[in-house]
Amino acid sequence: MARNSRSERRPSGRPGSPRARLFLALEPHEDDRLALARWRDELVAGRRDLRPLSGESLHLTLVFLGYRPEKEIPAIAEAAFDAVRELPPAVLHPLGVRPLPRRSPRLFALDLEDEGEAAATIQAAVSDRLAAERFYRPERRDWWPHLTLARVNRGARAEPLEPARSAPDPLRAPTVTLYRSLLRPQGALYVPLERIELGA
């Protein structure tokens, strides 16, 4: 594992204790993600006000853990993966592109219908288990299945995104991944640490 940069260290009980910015995500099948990335690239083509996320970053965030001690990473992965091991993959259907917030948006997201609430079940299982293990404090707001497509560049005022064609449908989501988020001036870099295939 690469050492933390200075920006990735945060105060803890012991000075200098290395910490990692972590989250768990539900990932689309690679074929579906590639198709979605191509559609998204068409959608934002020529838009200098927007910064599209890399294709590898198209995922549904399940829980954001914030900064945790690096030594907790194996236990976090074990707890989360044990909670979802017997669950089936999710299938999602695009509903439309949403600006967030609606006025003066900072990003554009793809709103998703969660077939049979499979993705919500996966999210709840991860959230409940990590909360029980005291790795995570659940958010008060309801979980919303969506994919971030692009962020608005600093200082830009973004016009609406109007898709010329429908997004790929359905999106199969069979993988849960523990990610480390590395903050950089040009945008966050998401580094996969461990993953599990659902229904394997």
Protein backbone atom coordinates (compact mmCIF):
# COMPACT_ATOMS: atom_id res chain seq x y z
CA MET A 1 0.00 0.00 0.00
CA ALA A 2 1.36 3.41 -0.93
CA ARG A 3 2.23 5.78 1.88
CA ASN A 4 -0.12 8.65 2.61
CA SER A 5 0.75 12.04 1.23
CA ARG A 6 0.86 14.87 3.74
CA SER A 7 -2.65 15.91 2.65
CA GLU A 8 -3.96 12.45 3.50
CA ARG A 9 -2.93 12.62 7.17
CA ARG A 10 -5.49 13.78 9.70
CA PRO A 11 -5.31 14.28 13.47
CA SER A 12 -5.87 11.15 15.53
CA GLY A 13 -5.20 9.81 18.97
CA ARG A 14 -1.52 9.37 18.11
CA PRO A 15 0.34 12.15 16.30
CA GLY A 16 1.37 11.01 12.82
CA SER A 17 -0.93 7.98 12.79
CA PRO A 18 -1.68 7.31 9.08
CA ARG A 19 -5.31 7.59 8.06
CA ALA A 20 -7.15 6.92 4.82
CA ARG A 21 -10.24 8.57 3.33
CA LEU A 22 -12.52 5.59 2.62
CA PHE A 23 -15.86 4.75 1.04
CA LEU A 24 -17.68 1.68 -0.25
CA ALA A 25 -19.32 1.63 -3.66
CA LEU A 26 -21.58 -0.54 -5.76
CA GLU A 27 -20.08 -0.86 -9.24
CA PRO A 28 -21.73 -1.50 -12.60
CA HIS A 29 -20.70 -4.48 -14.69
CA GLU A 30 -17.66 -3.44 -16.75
CA ASP A 31 -19.50 -3.71 -20.09
CA ASP A 32 -22.33 -1.55 -18.77
CA ARG A 33 -19.91 0.96 -17.29
CA LEU A 34 -18.06 1.32 -20.61
CA ALA A 35 -21.36 1.88 -22.44
CA LEU A 36 -22.40 4.42 -19.82
CA ALA A 37 -19.06 6.24 -20.08
CA ARG A 38 -19.44 6.52 -23.87
CA TRP A 39 -22.97 7.90 -23.47
CA ARG A 40 -21.80 10.38 -20.81
CA ASP A 41 -18.89 11.53 -23.01
CA GLU A 42 -21.36 12.29 -25.81
CA LEU A 43 -23.55 14.14 -23.33
CA VAL A 44 -20.81 16.51 -22.12
CA ALA A 45 -18.90 16.88 -25.40
CA GLY A 46 -17.87 20.50 -25.93
CA ARG A 47 -18.90 21.56 -22.42
CA ARG A 48 -15.96 23.51 -20.98
CA ASP A 49 -17.99 24.29 -17.87
CA LEU A 50 -18.03 20.61 -16.86
CA ARG A 51 -15.44 18.13 -15.65
CA PRO A 52 -16.55 14.56 -16.42
CA LEU A 53 -15.55 11.82 -14.01
CA SER A 54 -13.32 9.08 -15.36
CA GLY A 55 -15.08 5.93 -16.54
CA GLU A 56 -13.59 4.04 -13.59
CA SER A 57 -15.28 6.50 -11.22
CA LEU A 58 -18.83 5.75 -12.37
CA HIS A 59 -20.23 3.99 -9.30
CA LEU A 60 -22.92 4.26 -6.64
CA THR A 61 -21.53 5.31 -3.28
CA LEU A 62 -22.95 3.06 -0.55
CA VAL A 63 -21.33 4.63 2.53
CA PHE A 64 -18.70 7.32 2.97
CA LEU A 65 -16.54 6.57 5.99
CA GLY A 66 -14.33 9.64 5.96
CA TYR A 67 -10.85 9.34 7.44
CA ARG A 68 -10.17 6.07 9.25
CA PRO A 69 -6.91 4.61 10.58
CA GLU A 70 -5.18 2.56 7.89
CA LYS A 71 -4.93 -0.39 10.27
CA GLU A 72 -8.76 -0.65 10.23
CA ILE A 73 -8.94 -1.29 6.47
CA PRO A 74 -8.87 -5.13 6.65
CA ALA A 75 -11.55 -5.19 9.37
CA ILE A 76 -13.76 -2.72 7.47
CA ALA A 77 -13.54 -4.80 4.30
CA GLU A 78 -14.24 -8.04 6.17
CA ALA A 79 -17.29 -6.61 7.96
CA ALA A 80 -18.79 -5.00 4.86
CA PHE A 81 -18.22 -7.97 2.57
CA ASP A 82 -19.55 -10.45 5.12
CA ALA A 83 -22.76 -8.38 5.28
CA VAL A 84 -23.42 -8.62 1.53
CA ARG A 85 -21.88 -11.98 0.65
CA GLU A 86 -25.22 -13.74 0.20
CA LEU A 87 -27.04 -10.88 -1.52
CA PRO A 88 -27.80 -10.87 -5.26
CA PRO A 89 -26.45 -8.24 -7.68
CA ALA A 90 -28.52 -5.12 -8.29
CA VAL A 91 -30.15 -4.07 -11.56
CA LEU A 92 -30.72 -0.36 -12.13
CA HIS A 93 -32.64 1.62 -14.73
CA PRO A 94 -31.80 5.24 -15.68
CA LEU A 95 -34.56 7.75 -14.98
CA GLY A 96 -32.91 10.98 -16.11
CA VAL A 97 -30.13 13.49 -15.53
CA ARG A 98 -30.48 15.68 -12.43
CA PRO A 99 -28.60 18.89 -11.59
CA LEU A 100 -27.50 19.16 -7.96
CA PRO A 101 -28.50 21.45 -6.49
CA ARG A 102 -31.23 22.32 -8.97
CA ARG A 103 -30.25 25.99 -9.00
CA SER A 104 -26.57 26.75 -9.61
CA PRO A 105 -25.65 23.05 -9.83
CA ARG A 106 -22.27 21.78 -8.70
CA LEU A 107 -22.69 18.43 -10.41
CA PHE A 108 -24.94 16.41 -12.70
CA ALA A 109 -26.09 12.92 -11.67
CA LEU A 110 -27.94 10.07 -13.33
CA ASP A 111 -31.02 9.25 -11.28
CA LEU A 112 -31.63 5.48 -11.12
CA GLU A 113 -34.57 3.20 -10.47
CA ASP A 114 -33.56 0.36 -8.16
CA GLU A 115 -35.22 -2.83 -9.44
CA GLY A 116 -36.66 -4.78 -6.51
CA GLU A 117 -34.75 -2.46 -4.14
CA ALA A 118 -31.74 -4.76 -4.46
CA ALA A 119 -29.25 -1.88 -4.33
CA ALA A 120 -30.99 -0.37 -1.30
CA THR A 121 -30.78 -3.76 0.44
CA ILE A 122 -27.04 -3.90 -0.26
CA GLN A 123 -26.57 -0.36 1.03
CA ALA A 124 -28.54 -1.04 4.21
CA ALA A 125 -26.58 -4.22 4.90
CA VAL A 126 -23.24 -2.41 4.58
CA SER A 127 -24.42 0.59 6.60
CA ASP A 128 -25.91 -1.48 9.42
CA ARG A 129 -22.89 -3.76 9.77
CA LEU A 130 -20.31 -0.98 9.74
CA ALA A 131 -22.40 1.04 12.19
CA ALA A 132 -22.61 -1.97 14.51
CA GLU A 133 -18.82 -2.30 14.33
CA ARG A 134 -18.48 1.45 15.02
CA PHE A 135 -16.72 2.17 11.75
CA TYR A 136 -19.56 4.34 10.44
CA ARG A 137 -22.28 6.72 11.59
CA PRO A 138 -25.31 6.42 9.25
CA GLU A 139 -26.61 9.55 7.55
CA ARG A 140 -30.05 10.82 8.47
CA ARG A 141 -31.17 11.32 4.89
CA ASP A 142 -32.41 8.38 2.84
CA TRP A 143 -29.96 6.73 0.48
CA TRP A 144 -30.46 7.77 -3.14
CA PRO A 145 -29.32 5.46 -5.99
CA HIS A 146 -27.46 7.61 -8.51
CA LEU A 147 -24.24 7.96 -10.47
CA THR A 148 -22.31 11.24 -10.65
CA LEU A 149 -21.65 11.99 -14.32
CA ALA A 150 -19.78 15.31 -14.23
CA ARG A 151 -18.86 18.13 -11.87
CA VAL A 152 -19.15 21.83 -12.61
CA ASN A 153 -15.82 23.62 -12.88
CA ARG A 154 -15.07 26.17 -10.18
CA GLY A 155 -16.54 29.56 -11.01
CA ALA A 156 -18.59 28.24 -13.95
CA ARG A 157 -22.34 28.61 -14.31
CA ALA A 158 -23.57 25.38 -15.88
CA GLU A 159 -26.38 25.16 -18.41
CA PRO A 160 -28.74 22.15 -18.27
CA LEU A 161 -27.64 18.81 -19.70
CA GLU A 162 -30.06 17.58 -22.33
CA PRO A 163 -29.38 13.98 -23.46
CA ALA A 164 -29.80 13.39 -27.19
CA ARG A 165 -30.46 9.71 -26.54
CA SER A 166 -31.40 7.55 -23.58
CA ALA A 167 -28.76 6.22 -21.22
CA PRO A 168 -27.83 2.52 -21.49
CA ASP A 169 -30.46 0.36 -19.81
CA PRO A 170 -30.30 -1.74 -17.72
CA LEU A 171 -27.20 -1.23 -15.60
CA ARG A 172 -26.14 -4.41 -13.84
CA ALA A 173 -24.26 -3.82 -10.57
CA PRO A 174 -22.59 -6.99 -9.26
CA THR A 175 -19.55 -5.65 -7.36
CA VAL A 176 -18.99 -3.97 -3.99
CA THR A 177 -15.61 -2.24 -3.66
CA LEU A 178 -13.79 -0.58 -0.78
CA TYR A 179 -12.13 2.56 -2.14
CA ARG A 180 -9.53 4.98 -0.89
CA SER A 181 -10.05 8.57 -2.01
CA LEU A 182 -6.89 10.60 -2.59
CA LEU A 183 -7.54 14.34 -2.77
CA ARG A 184 -5.64 16.20 -5.49
CA PRO A 185 -5.90 19.72 -6.98
CA GLN A 186 -7.17 18.24 -10.27
CA GLY A 187 -9.81 16.14 -8.53
CA ALA A 188 -10.04 13.09 -6.29
CA LEU A 189 -8.38 9.83 -7.32
CA TYR A 190 -10.27 6.69 -6.30
CA VAL A 191 -8.03 3.72 -5.53
CA PRO A 192 -9.74 0.31 -5.20
CA LEU A 193 -8.45 -1.60 -2.16
CA GLU A 194 -10.64 -4.72 -1.97
CA ARG A 195 -13.81 -5.94 -3.68
CA ILE A 196 -16.37 -8.72 -3.63
CA GLU A 197 -18.55 -10.10 -6.43
CA LEU A 198 -22.18 -10.51 -5.40
CA GLY A 199 -23.96 -13.76 -6.13
CA ALA A 200 -20.71 -15.55 -6.94
